[in-house]
Protein backbone atom coordinates (compact mmCIF):
# COMPACT_ATOMS: atom_id res chain seq x y z
CA MET A 1 -29.30 9.43 17.03
CA ASN A 2 -32.37 11.46 17.46
CA GLY A 3 -30.26 14.42 17.70
CA TYR A 4 -29.36 13.97 13.91
CA ALA A 5 -32.89 13.58 12.86
CA THR A 6 -32.85 17.28 11.99
CA SER A 7 -30.48 20.31 11.98
CA SER A 8 -31.59 23.41 13.86
CA SER A 9 -32.07 25.07 10.50
CA GLY A 10 -35.02 22.58 10.09
CA GLN A 11 -33.09 20.65 7.34
CA PRO A 12 -33.32 17.28 6.64
CA GLY A 13 -30.58 14.99 8.86
CA LEU A 14 -28.92 12.22 8.33
CA LEU A 15 -31.41 9.64 8.97
CA GLN A 16 -33.92 11.02 6.55
CA ARG A 17 -30.91 11.31 3.92
CA LEU A 18 -30.28 7.60 4.24
CA ARG A 19 -34.16 6.95 4.05
CA ALA A 20 -34.40 8.95 1.33
CA TRP A 21 -31.33 6.49 -0.28
CA ALA A 22 -33.19 3.22 0.92
CA GLY A 23 -36.44 4.38 -0.73
CA GLY A 24 -35.16 5.57 -3.95
CA LYS A 25 -35.59 8.94 -3.46
CA PRO A 26 -32.80 10.95 -3.46
CA PRO A 27 -32.65 14.68 -1.46
CA ALA A 28 -32.69 17.64 -3.48
CA SER A 29 -29.03 17.56 -3.83
CA ALA A 30 -28.46 13.83 -4.69
CA ASP A 31 -24.64 14.13 -4.98
CA VAL A 32 -23.67 15.30 -1.37
CA LEU A 33 -23.79 13.52 1.48
CA PRO A 34 -23.51 15.35 5.20
CA VAL A 35 -20.43 15.53 7.00
CA ARG A 36 -20.39 16.32 10.90
CA VAL A 37 -18.05 19.23 11.57
CA GLY A 38 -18.79 19.54 15.28
CA GLY A 39 -21.90 18.65 17.66
CA THR A 40 -24.92 18.39 15.05
CA GLU A 41 -24.00 20.52 12.73
CA TYR A 42 -23.53 19.50 9.18
CA ARG A 43 -22.01 20.72 5.89
CA GLN A 44 -22.48 19.08 2.64
CA THR A 45 -19.56 17.58 0.69
CA THR A 46 -19.61 15.92 -2.79
CA THR A 47 -19.39 12.39 -3.09
CA THR A 48 -21.01 10.10 -5.03
CA PRO A 49 -23.86 7.98 -4.40
CA ALA A 50 -24.34 4.40 -3.91
CA SER A 51 -26.92 3.20 -6.63
CA VAL A 52 -26.21 -0.89 -5.90
CA LEU A 53 -26.23 -2.73 -2.67
CA GLY A 54 -22.65 -4.13 -2.72
CA PHE A 55 -18.70 -3.39 -3.96
CA ASP A 56 -17.11 -1.29 -5.91
CA GLN A 57 -16.78 -2.98 -9.28
CA ALA A 58 -14.92 -0.39 -11.01
CA LEU A 59 -12.12 -0.75 -8.13
CA VAL A 60 -12.26 -4.56 -8.62
CA TRP A 61 -11.98 -4.37 -12.65
CA VAL A 62 -8.77 -1.90 -12.12
CA VAL A 63 -7.33 -4.61 -9.31
CA ILE A 64 -7.75 -7.23 -11.60
CA ALA A 65 -6.45 -5.30 -14.36
CA LEU A 66 -3.36 -4.24 -12.74
CA LEU A 67 -2.82 -8.16 -11.66
CA ALA A 68 -3.51 -9.62 -14.81
CA TRP A 69 -0.92 -6.83 -16.62
CA GLY A 70 1.69 -7.85 -13.64
CA LEU A 71 1.25 -11.55 -14.38
CA VAL A 72 2.04 -11.20 -18.15
CA MET A 73 5.26 -8.96 -17.13
CA VAL A 74 6.57 -11.38 -14.55
CA TYR A 75 6.50 -14.19 -16.98
CA SER A 76 8.45 -11.85 -19.74
CA ALA A 77 10.68 -10.66 -17.20
CA SER A 78 11.46 -14.04 -15.99
CA ILE A 79 11.31 -16.06 -18.69
CA ALA A 80 15.28 -16.03 -19.44
CA MET A 81 16.08 -16.85 -15.85
CA PRO A 82 16.79 -20.44 -16.54
CA ASP A 83 19.91 -19.21 -18.68
CA ASN A 84 21.55 -17.87 -15.70
CA PRO A 85 23.33 -20.44 -13.58
CA ARG A 86 22.55 -18.43 -10.50
CA PHE A 87 18.69 -19.94 -10.16
CA GLY A 88 20.29 -23.50 -11.35
CA LYS A 89 18.23 -25.78 -13.46
CA ILE A 90 14.80 -24.41 -13.49
CA ALA A 91 11.78 -24.18 -15.98
CA GLN A 92 11.27 -21.19 -17.88
CA SER A 93 7.74 -20.79 -16.61
CA HIS A 94 9.21 -21.10 -12.45
CA PHE A 95 8.72 -17.57 -11.68
CA LEU A 96 5.41 -17.62 -13.48
CA VAL A 97 3.75 -20.74 -11.89
CA ARG A 98 4.59 -19.33 -8.06
CA HIS A 99 3.25 -16.12 -9.21
CA ILE A 100 0.10 -18.18 -10.24
CA MET A 101 0.17 -19.82 -6.86
CA ALA A 102 0.52 -16.56 -5.19
CA LEU A 103 -2.49 -15.00 -6.97
CA VAL A 104 -4.63 -18.38 -6.12
CA ILE A 105 -4.07 -18.01 -2.04
CA GLY A 106 -4.18 -14.58 -2.37
CA PHE A 107 -7.68 -14.54 -3.98
CA VAL A 108 -8.99 -17.21 -1.41
CA ALA A 109 -7.49 -15.06 1.67
CA ALA A 110 -8.92 -12.07 0.00
CA LEU A 111 -12.60 -13.66 -0.18
CA LEU A 112 -12.20 -14.84 3.76
CA ALA A 113 -10.82 -11.15 4.60
CA PHE A 114 -14.21 -10.00 2.95
CA GLN A 115 -16.25 -11.97 4.87
CA ILE A 116 -15.06 -10.17 8.02
CA SER A 117 -17.19 -7.00 9.48
CA MET A 118 -15.16 -3.85 10.25
CA SER A 119 -16.01 -4.08 13.85
CA THR A 120 -14.43 -7.20 14.29
CA TRP A 121 -11.04 -5.86 12.56
CA GLU A 122 -11.40 -3.15 15.18
CA ARG A 123 -11.55 -5.47 17.84
CA VAL A 124 -8.77 -7.55 16.73
CA ALA A 125 -6.53 -4.49 15.67
CA PRO A 126 -4.11 -4.95 18.59
CA TRP A 127 -3.71 -8.55 18.65
CA LEU A 128 -2.75 -8.54 14.83
CA PHE A 129 -0.30 -5.92 15.83
CA VAL A 130 1.17 -8.22 18.42
CA CYS A 131 1.19 -10.93 15.72
CA SER A 132 2.93 -9.05 13.59
CA ILE A 133 6.05 -7.64 15.97
CA GLY A 134 6.17 -11.73 17.06
CA LEU A 135 6.94 -12.80 13.16
CA LEU A 136 9.53 -10.01 12.90
CA ILE A 137 10.67 -11.36 16.17
CA ALA A 138 11.18 -14.58 14.70
CA VAL A 139 12.38 -13.79 11.30
CA LEU A 140 15.66 -12.78 13.03
CA ILE A 141 15.98 -15.93 14.79
CA PRO A 142 18.72 -18.03 13.32
CA HIS A 143 17.84 -20.98 11.27
CA VAL A 144 14.09 -19.37 11.71
CA GLY A 145 14.43 -16.46 9.24
CA SER A 146 15.42 -17.51 5.54
CA VAL A 147 18.82 -15.14 4.23
CA VAL A 148 18.55 -14.13 0.77
CA ASN A 149 21.18 -11.59 -0.69
CA GLY A 150 22.27 -10.91 2.75
CA ALA A 151 19.21 -9.90 4.21
CA ARG A 152 17.00 -11.73 6.86
CA ARG A 153 13.47 -10.94 5.80
CA TRP A 154 11.63 -14.43 4.79
CA LEU A 155 10.05 -17.18 6.99
CA SER A 156 9.97 -20.23 4.79
CA LEU A 157 6.11 -21.96 4.62
CA GLY A 158 6.76 -24.58 2.43
CA ILE A 159 4.85 -23.35 -0.48
CA MET A 160 5.90 -19.75 -0.44
CA ASN A 161 8.17 -17.86 1.52
CA PHE A 162 6.57 -15.11 3.87
CA GLN A 163 7.82 -11.76 4.78
CA PRO A 164 6.38 -10.54 7.94
CA SER A 165 7.41 -7.01 6.91
CA GLU A 166 4.00 -7.01 4.78
CA LEU A 167 1.92 -7.61 7.31
CA ALA A 168 3.16 -5.46 9.39
CA LYS A 169 2.24 -2.45 7.00
CA PHE A 170 -1.21 -4.10 7.11
CA ALA A 171 -1.28 -4.58 10.62
CA VAL A 172 -0.32 -0.86 11.45
CA VAL A 173 -3.16 0.25 8.92
CA ILE A 174 -5.71 -1.50 11.41
CA TYR A 175 -4.09 -0.77 14.45
CA ALA A 176 -3.05 3.17 14.11
CA SER A 177 -6.59 3.57 12.95
CA ASP A 178 -8.17 1.56 16.03
CA TYR A 179 -5.56 3.75 18.14
CA MET A 180 -6.86 6.82 16.65
CA VAL A 181 -10.53 6.11 17.37
CA ARG A 182 -9.54 5.28 20.94
CA LYS A 183 -7.60 8.24 21.43
CA MET A 184 -9.92 10.95 19.50
CA GLU A 185 -10.69 12.76 23.21
CA VAL A 186 -6.64 13.75 23.98
CA LYS A 187 -5.58 13.88 20.35
CA GLU A 188 -4.56 17.46 21.09
CA ARG A 189 -1.75 16.07 23.79
CA PHE A 190 1.13 14.76 22.57
CA PHE A 191 2.22 12.27 25.42
CA ARG A 192 -0.89 10.83 25.53
CA ALA A 193 -2.42 10.80 21.81
CA VAL A 194 1.30 10.57 19.77
CA LEU A 195 3.62 9.41 21.77
CA PRO A 196 2.47 5.59 22.35
CA MET A 197 2.27 5.44 18.69
CA GLY A 198 5.70 6.70 18.15
CA VAL A 199 6.70 3.58 20.73
CA ALA A 200 5.07 1.41 18.62
CA VAL A 201 5.97 2.28 15.42
CA ALA A 202 9.69 2.47 16.72
CA LEU A 203 9.55 -0.91 17.74
CA VAL A 204 8.76 -2.01 14.15
CA GLY A 205 11.05 -0.12 12.71
CA ALA A 206 13.87 -1.39 14.57
CA LEU A 207 12.96 -5.01 13.53
CA LEU A 208 12.69 -4.11 10.56
CA LEU A 209 16.47 -2.21 10.53
CA ALA A 210 17.56 -5.43 11.81
CA GLU A 211 16.72 -7.23 8.61
CA PRO A 212 17.33 -4.57 7.39
CA ASP A 213 14.61 -3.43 5.18
CA MET A 214 14.44 0.45 5.36
CA GLY A 215 12.43 0.52 2.45
CA ALA A 216 9.33 -1.26 4.69
CA PHE A 217 10.39 0.81 7.39
CA MET A 218 9.89 4.22 5.37
CA VAL A 219 6.41 2.47 4.16
CA ILE A 220 5.12 2.13 7.61
CA ALA A 221 6.36 5.21 8.96
CA VAL A 222 4.00 7.15 6.70
CA ILE A 223 1.19 4.88 6.94
CA ALA A 224 1.38 5.98 10.63
CA MET A 225 1.80 9.64 9.94
CA GLY A 226 -0.83 9.55 7.53
CA ILE A 227 -3.31 7.94 9.85
CA LEU A 228 -2.76 10.36 12.78
CA PHE A 229 -2.69 13.56 10.27
CA LEU A 230 -6.43 12.21 9.06
CA GLY A 231 -7.65 11.05 12.67
CA GLY A 232 -7.17 14.77 13.87
CA VAL A 233 -3.22 15.34 15.53
CA ASN A 234 -2.95 19.16 15.31
CA ALA A 235 -0.41 20.41 12.51
CA ARG A 236 1.86 21.33 14.88
CA MET A 237 2.54 18.17 16.31
CA PHE A 238 2.10 16.35 12.65
CA PHE A 239 5.15 18.79 11.46
CA LEU A 240 7.01 17.84 14.71
CA ILE A 241 6.87 14.32 14.13
CA ALA A 242 7.79 14.68 10.07
CA ALA A 243 10.69 16.68 11.13
CA VAL A 244 12.08 13.41 13.46
CA LEU A 245 11.20 11.28 11.17
CA VAL A 246 12.96 13.04 8.75
CA GLY A 247 16.14 13.41 10.61
CA ALA A 248 16.00 9.82 11.64
CA PHE A 249 15.70 8.58 8.07
CA SER A 250 19.07 11.42 7.43
CA VAL A 251 21.12 9.59 10.15
CA MET A 252 20.52 6.09 9.47
CA VAL A 253 21.72 6.89 5.55
CA MET A 254 24.73 8.96 6.93
CA ALA A 255 25.42 6.26 9.57
CA SER A 256 25.52 3.54 7.11
CA PRO A 257 28.59 3.60 4.32
CA TRP A 258 26.36 1.27 1.68
CA ARG A 259 23.48 3.54 1.87
CA ARG A 260 25.73 6.44 1.35
CA GLU A 261 27.06 4.82 -1.53
CA ARG A 262 23.67 4.15 -2.72
CA ILE A 263 22.72 8.07 -2.17
CA PHE A 264 26.09 9.24 -4.53
CA ALA A 265 25.39 6.15 -6.97
CA TYR A 266 21.88 7.63 -7.55
CA LEU A 267 23.43 11.21 -8.30
CA ASP A 268 25.97 10.16 -11.07
CA PRO A 269 24.91 6.27 -11.78
CA PHE A 270 26.44 6.33 -15.07
CA SER A 271 29.87 7.38 -13.47
CA GLU A 272 33.32 5.00 -13.91
CA GLU A 273 33.00 4.14 -10.10
CA HIS A 274 29.12 3.49 -9.69
CA ALA A 275 28.39 1.91 -13.10
CA LEU A 276 29.46 -1.23 -11.48
CA GLY A 277 28.30 -1.09 -8.35
CA LYS A 278 25.90 0.85 -6.38
CA GLY A 279 24.41 2.33 -9.38
CA TYR A 280 24.30 -0.65 -12.25
CA GLN A 281 20.98 -1.36 -11.39
CA LEU A 282 19.49 2.27 -11.95
CA SER A 283 22.07 2.84 -14.71
CA HIS A 284 20.39 -0.38 -16.59
CA SER A 285 16.73 0.76 -15.51
CA LEU A 286 17.42 3.74 -17.22
CA ILE A 287 19.05 2.29 -20.30
CA ALA A 288 15.80 -0.05 -20.71
CA ILE A 289 13.55 3.07 -20.21
CA GLY A 290 15.27 4.81 -22.54
CA ARG A 291 15.03 1.78 -25.43
CA GLY A 292 11.28 1.82 -25.29
CA GLU A 293 10.92 5.18 -26.29
CA ILE A 294 7.20 6.27 -26.89
CA PHE A 295 5.70 2.92 -27.56
CA GLY A 296 8.22 0.65 -26.76
CA VAL A 297 9.75 -2.44 -28.43
CA GLY A 298 6.79 -5.12 -28.34
CA LEU A 299 5.95 -7.55 -25.51
CA GLY A 300 8.75 -9.94 -24.90
CA GLY A 301 11.17 -7.70 -27.01
CA SER A 302 13.42 -6.55 -23.77
CA VAL A 303 17.24 -6.74 -23.80
CA GLU A 304 17.71 -5.75 -20.56
CA LYS A 305 15.97 -8.58 -18.59
CA LEU A 306 18.09 -10.89 -20.42
CA HIS A 307 20.99 -10.85 -17.48
CA TRP A 308 21.52 -7.39 -17.91
CA LEU A 309 19.15 -5.76 -15.31
CA PRO A 310 19.00 -7.56 -11.97
CA GLU A 311 15.58 -7.86 -9.81
CA ALA A 312 13.91 -7.38 -13.60
CA HIS A 313 10.39 -9.23 -12.11
CA THR A 314 10.64 -7.70 -8.59
CA ASP A 315 11.36 -4.30 -7.76
CA PHE A 316 12.25 -3.17 -11.37
CA LEU A 317 9.45 -4.75 -13.20
CA LEU A 318 8.59 -0.80 -14.38
CA ALA A 319 11.61 -0.68 -16.33
CA VAL A 320 10.56 -3.57 -18.41
CA ILE A 321 7.55 -2.51 -18.63
CA GLY A 322 8.80 0.76 -20.10
CA GLU A 323 11.27 -1.22 -22.71
CA GLU A 324 8.52 -3.45 -23.94
CA PHE A 325 5.29 -0.67 -23.99
CA GLY A 326 7.03 2.55 -23.86
CA LEU A 327 6.35 6.04 -22.44
CA VAL A 328 2.89 5.25 -23.59
CA GLY A 329 2.52 1.91 -21.06
CA VAL A 330 4.10 3.97 -18.13
CA MET A 331 1.74 6.31 -18.45
CA VAL A 332 -1.27 4.32 -18.71
CA LEU A 333 0.41 2.31 -15.70
CA ILE A 334 0.60 5.47 -13.87
CA VAL A 335 -2.89 6.59 -14.36
CA LEU A 336 -4.19 3.51 -13.00
CA PHE A 337 -2.56 3.50 -9.74
CA LEU A 338 -3.74 7.13 -9.46
CA TRP A 339 -6.99 6.54 -10.06
CA LEU A 340 -6.73 3.36 -7.79
CA THR A 341 -5.38 5.35 -4.99
CA ARG A 342 -7.55 7.98 -5.57
CA ARG A 343 -10.88 5.73 -5.54
CA ILE A 344 -9.88 4.21 -2.16
CA MET A 345 -9.36 7.43 -0.63
CA HIS A 346 -12.97 8.51 -1.96
CA ILE A 347 -14.34 5.14 -0.36
CA GLY A 348 -12.49 6.14 3.48
CA ARG A 349 -13.97 9.47 3.35
CA GLN A 350 -17.42 8.36 2.22
CA ALA A 351 -17.19 6.13 5.36
CA ILE A 352 -16.23 9.15 7.57
CA ALA A 353 -18.90 10.92 6.21
CA LEU A 354 -21.62 8.13 7.67
CA ASP A 355 -19.50 8.71 11.13
CA ARG A 356 -17.47 5.15 10.45
CA VAL A 357 -14.07 6.61 11.61
CA PHE A 358 -12.18 3.73 11.79
CA SER A 359 -13.53 2.29 8.59
CA GLY A 360 -12.60 5.17 7.00
CA LEU A 361 -9.25 5.66 8.49
CA VAL A 362 -8.35 1.80 7.62
CA ALA A 363 -9.46 2.64 3.74
CA GLN A 364 -7.09 5.85 3.48
CA GLY A 365 -4.37 4.19 5.24
CA VAL A 366 -4.36 1.45 2.35
CA ALA A 367 -4.67 4.25 -0.15
CA MET A 368 -1.41 5.78 1.15
CA TRP A 369 0.38 2.42 1.47
CA MET A 370 -0.96 1.64 -2.15
CA GLY A 371 0.07 4.84 -3.65
CA PHE A 372 3.16 5.66 -1.67
CA GLN A 373 5.15 2.50 -2.31
CA SER A 374 3.91 2.33 -5.90
CA PHE A 375 5.34 6.07 -6.05
CA ILE A 376 8.75 4.96 -4.55
CA ASN A 377 8.80 2.40 -6.88
CA MET A 378 8.39 4.27 -9.82
CA GLY A 379 10.62 6.71 -8.63
CA VAL A 380 13.27 4.48 -8.13
CA ASN A 381 12.79 3.01 -11.39
CA LEU A 382 12.99 6.26 -13.25
CA GLY A 383 15.65 7.49 -11.97
CA ALA A 384 14.02 10.34 -9.70
CA LEU A 385 14.60 8.15 -5.97
CA PRO A 386 17.48 6.57 -4.75
CA THR A 387 17.71 2.60 -5.17
CA LYS A 388 14.89 0.87 -2.45
CA GLY A 389 13.91 -2.39 -2.35
CA LEU A 390 10.44 -1.96 -2.52
CA THR A 391 8.50 -3.84 -5.22
CA LEU A 392 5.10 -2.44 -7.17
CA PRO A 393 2.18 -3.34 -5.73
CA LEU A 394 -0.13 -5.91 -7.15
CA MET A 395 2.10 -6.55 -9.92
CA SER A 396 5.59 -7.26 -9.15
CA PHE A 397 6.71 -11.22 -8.05
CA GLY A 398 6.81 -11.92 -4.45
CA GLY A 399 3.96 -13.82 -2.97
CA SER A 400 3.83 -12.45 0.31
CA ALA A 401 3.72 -8.81 -0.93
CA ILE A 402 0.55 -10.09 -3.21
CA LEU A 403 -1.37 -11.98 -0.70
CA MET A 404 -1.12 -8.75 1.69
CA ASN A 405 -2.12 -6.36 -0.85
CA LEU A 406 -5.59 -8.30 -2.05
CA VAL A 407 -6.34 -8.72 1.84
CA ALA A 408 -5.79 -4.96 2.00
CA ILE A 409 -8.18 -4.38 -0.97
CA ALA A 410 -10.49 -6.88 -0.01
CA VAL A 411 -10.80 -4.79 3.23
CA VAL A 412 -11.38 -1.66 1.36
CA LEU A 413 -14.70 -3.45 -0.32
CA ARG A 414 -15.80 -4.60 2.70
CA VAL A 415 -15.48 -0.60 3.96
CA ASP A 416 -17.62 0.15 0.96
CA TYR A 417 -20.07 -2.92 1.13
CA GLU A 418 -20.92 -1.99 4.63
CA ASN A 419 -20.86 1.74 3.56
CA LYS A 420 -23.62 1.37 0.61
CA HIS A 421 -25.56 -1.07 2.89
CA MET A 422 -25.84 1.93 5.41
CA MET A 423 -26.59 4.10 2.74
CA ARG A 424 -29.73 1.97 2.01
CA GLY A 425 -31.15 1.87 5.67
CA GLY A 426 -29.36 -1.12 6.72
CA ARG A 427 -27.43 -1.47 10.03
CA ILE A 428 -23.78 -2.63 10.44
């Protein structure tokens, strides 16, 4: 660390700046942090100084706002379901109570995850990945995995059905970040740096496609690619991997008749051929959003949720929000997710500025997870993307998704906590 005390030009180095923060005396440019660009040379990057030892309170409040709004909308979207014979005799608050239980379990898990240091997450990364692989295999075993709507994706745990693909998303974030830190010295060599990670992601993808769950595979592939890129893999290798993935997904779609039909239905959902088939959900989602106009029909006033729009409380929750809160509500939601993604990326960037590469890559991986999945869900609901079975993070009904989303946010808050602790002169 002595080499970081001063730069070659005699300017204060990293330790002086950290001590300045600890003593309450910010340097001349109080809005910058040093970022190492090679050897002991530093350049300046703008970032927000840590004024309080703790975690990012603004991020916590935005997450709580999304969770609370999601809770209200899940109740609104599911309140009429007892009238549907498909669900049998259930109370009007059935899905609300289950969602509250998932939130409680998620908060407890998040509190526990926050207590775990990032160095511990780095040590257990391979074992967490192996555990997720084991659960993905277990869900495919007859009489072990539960089948819903023709897909075998859940493990029954009594109080809730757990979806291993949600754990796999988190495990890939942790494992890919640890992998890139370990492979920093060989990141320019394709077979030594990228191929092993590609094999790991391909294994996860094969298990997810067997369920089938192509949406989760897409999210995991984007997370892994993003972390490889941010970890330093050169552009040529990155675009080669991207081309291979695009080609692989194209082959999957072309080789599957029902996936091809989804694409055709997306292109013309209101046609006579598709309106009552693969385009049914999309057409009614667009009708719901169209009914909302600018300011919506009011909370609880949605008509499409009355058995017209399937999965209104899960994959198509945004359509109900659009109908009840209108364009204004949808725009507010988009802004909240944009802010959330940017804030988490900022925390990751701050960690990397402090030479905590693993922590920074984990935070940025979570940002890509939340940002990409919300983008896909919103695109599907708005008719900009083909129908995909992905929930809206932090909001849609689904115990596994809520649980793992909250654990991931807790890990990001831990990264931020350790950043601020280090910037005030402490040791991690």
